[in-house]
C-alpha atoms as a PDB file:
ATOM      1  CA  MET A   1     130.041  70.473  87.676  1.00  0.00           C
ATOM      2  CA  MET A   2     130.570  68.956  84.495  1.00  0.00           C
ATOM      3  CA  THR A   3     128.345  71.673  83.087  1.00  0.00           C
ATOM      4  CA  GLN A   4     130.680  74.345  83.392  1.00  0.00           C
ATOM      5  CA  ASP A   5     133.250  72.367  82.213  1.00  0.00           C
ATOM      6  CA  LEU A   6     130.647  71.431  78.777  1.00  0.00           C
ATOM      7  CA  ALA A   7     130.232  75.103  78.791  1.00  0.00           C
ATOM      8  CA  SER A   8     133.907  75.703  78.744  1.00  0.00           C
ATOM      9  CA  VAL A   9     134.461  73.352  76.076  1.00  0.00           C
ATOM     10  CA  ASN A  10     131.992  75.431  73.950  1.00  0.00           C
ATOM     11  CA  GLN A  11     133.418  78.100  74.262  1.00  0.00           C
ATOM     12  CA  ARG A  12     136.461  76.925  72.803  1.00  0.00           C
ATOM     13  CA  ILE A  13     134.932  75.711  69.807  1.00  0.00           C
ATOM     14  CA  GLN A  14     133.909  78.707  69.451  1.00  0.00           C
ATOM     15  CA  ASP A  15     137.031  80.252  70.176  1.00  0.00           C
ATOM     16  CA  ILE A  16     138.838  78.581  67.786  1.00  0.00           C
ATOM     17  CA  ILE A  17     136.388  78.722  64.727  1.00  0.00           C
ATOM     18  CA  ARG A  18     136.553  82.153  65.470  1.00  0.00           C
ATOM     19  CA  VAL A  19     140.598  81.897  64.740  1.00  0.00           C
ATOM     20  CA  LEU A  20     140.628  79.749  62.564  1.00  0.00           C
ATOM     21  CA  ASN A  21     137.739  81.679  60.037  1.00  0.00           C
ATOM     22  CA  ASN A  22     141.056  84.711  60.719  1.00  0.00           C
ATOM     23  CA  PHE A  23     144.021  82.572  61.544  1.00  0.00           C
ATOM     24  CA  LYS A  24     146.765  85.180  60.092  1.00  0.00           C
ATOM     25  CA  GLU A  25     145.465  87.813  62.588  1.00  0.00           C
ATOM     26  CA  LEU A  26     143.575  85.372  65.372  1.00  0.00           C
ATOM     27  CA  ARG A  27     146.143  83.225  65.800  1.00  0.00           C
ATOM     28  CA  GLU A  28     148.698  82.468  69.334  1.00  0.00           C
ATOM     29  CA  GLU A  29     151.884  82.778  67.659  1.00  0.00           C
ATOM     30  CA  ASN A  30     153.703  79.950  68.336  1.00  0.00           C
ATOM     31  CA  ARG A  31     150.851  77.497  67.482  1.00  0.00           C
ATOM     32  CA  SER A  32     150.087  75.779  63.845  1.00  0.00           C
ATOM     33  CA  ARG A  33     146.783  75.492  61.933  1.00  0.00           C
ATOM     34  CA  GLN A  34     146.784  71.300  62.727  1.00  0.00           C
ATOM     35  CA  ASP A  35     146.582  72.451  65.940  1.00  0.00           C
ATOM     36  CA  TYR A  36     143.537  74.014  66.640  1.00  0.00           C
ATOM     37  CA  VAL A  37     141.753  71.574  64.376  1.00  0.00           C
ATOM     38  CA  ASP A  38     143.273  68.991  66.546  1.00  0.00           C
ATOM     39  CA  GLN A  39     141.996  70.759  69.541  1.00  0.00           C
ATOM     40  CA  LEU A  40     138.419  71.751  67.538  1.00  0.00           C
ATOM     41  CA  LYS A  41     137.796  67.964  67.350  1.00  0.00           C
ATOM     42  CA  LYS A  42     138.868  66.476  70.386  1.00  0.00           C
ATOM     43  CA  ASP A  43     136.088  69.477  71.676  1.00  0.00           C
ATOM     44  CA  ILE A  44     133.826  68.526  69.554  1.00  0.00           C
ATOM     45  CA  CYS A  45     133.998  64.479  70.257  1.00  0.00           C
ATOM     46  CA  THR A  46     134.019  65.479  73.988  1.00  0.00           C
ATOM     47  CA  TYR A  47     130.588  68.147  73.717  1.00  0.00           C
ATOM     48  CA  TYR A  48     129.028  66.172  70.834  1.00  0.00           C
ATOM     49  CA  GLY A  49     129.557  63.241  72.181  1.00  0.00           C
ATOM     50  CA  TYR A  50     131.045  61.519  68.962  1.00  0.00           C
ATOM     51  CA  ASN A  51     133.846  59.285  68.351  1.00  0.00           C
ATOM     52  CA  GLU A  52     137.288  60.033  66.705  1.00  0.00           C
ATOM     53  CA  TYR A  53     136.469  57.755  64.005  1.00  0.00           C
ATOM     54  CA  LEU A  54     132.731  58.963  62.595  1.00  0.00           C
ATOM     55  CA  LEU A  55     134.454  62.772  63.201  1.00  0.00           C
ATOM     56  CA  GLU A  56     137.461  62.053  61.058  1.00  0.00           C
ATOM     57  CA  LYS A  57     135.240  60.440  58.059  1.00  0.00           C
ATOM     58  CA  PHE A  58     133.098  63.359  58.806  1.00  0.00           C
ATOM     59  CA  PHE A  59     136.914  66.181  57.913  1.00  0.00           C
ATOM     60  CA  TYR A  60     137.884  63.369  55.678  1.00  0.00           C
ATOM     61  CA  LEU A  61     134.314  63.733  53.409  1.00  0.00           C
ATOM     62  CA  PHE A  62     133.890  67.469  53.559  1.00  0.00           C
ATOM     63  CA  PRO A  63     135.742  70.819  53.327  1.00  0.00           C
ATOM     64  CA  ILE A  64     135.898  72.611  56.573  1.00  0.00           C
ATOM     65  CA  SER A  65     133.415  75.310  56.778  1.00  0.00           C
ATOM     66  CA  GLU A  66     130.825  72.247  55.872  1.00  0.00           C
ATOM     67  CA  VAL A  67     131.731  70.256  59.280  1.00  0.00           C
ATOM     68  CA  PHE A  68     131.547  73.327  61.213  1.00  0.00           C
ATOM     69  CA  LEU A  69     127.615  74.384  59.464  1.00  0.00           C
ATOM     70  CA  PHE A  70     126.784  70.186  59.573  1.00  0.00           C
ATOM     71  CA  PHE A  71     127.985  70.163  63.781  1.00  0.00           C
ATOM     72  CA  PHE A  72     126.634  74.397  64.330  1.00  0.00           C
END
């Protein structure tokens, strides 16, 4: 069960990154960029076991594109 949950989280991470890379074309109509980023942060914490504090530091110190490269 846990493996399936992590597989779903990983897929959502990939989907969100794809949307953020082409936000204007791929976003859901009533969802902001911040909504996607917030979900991405939560999913990264779940998938990689990071705590929110550490993850926030990465997002504060580096551009979002570099943070993605670090995790992936």
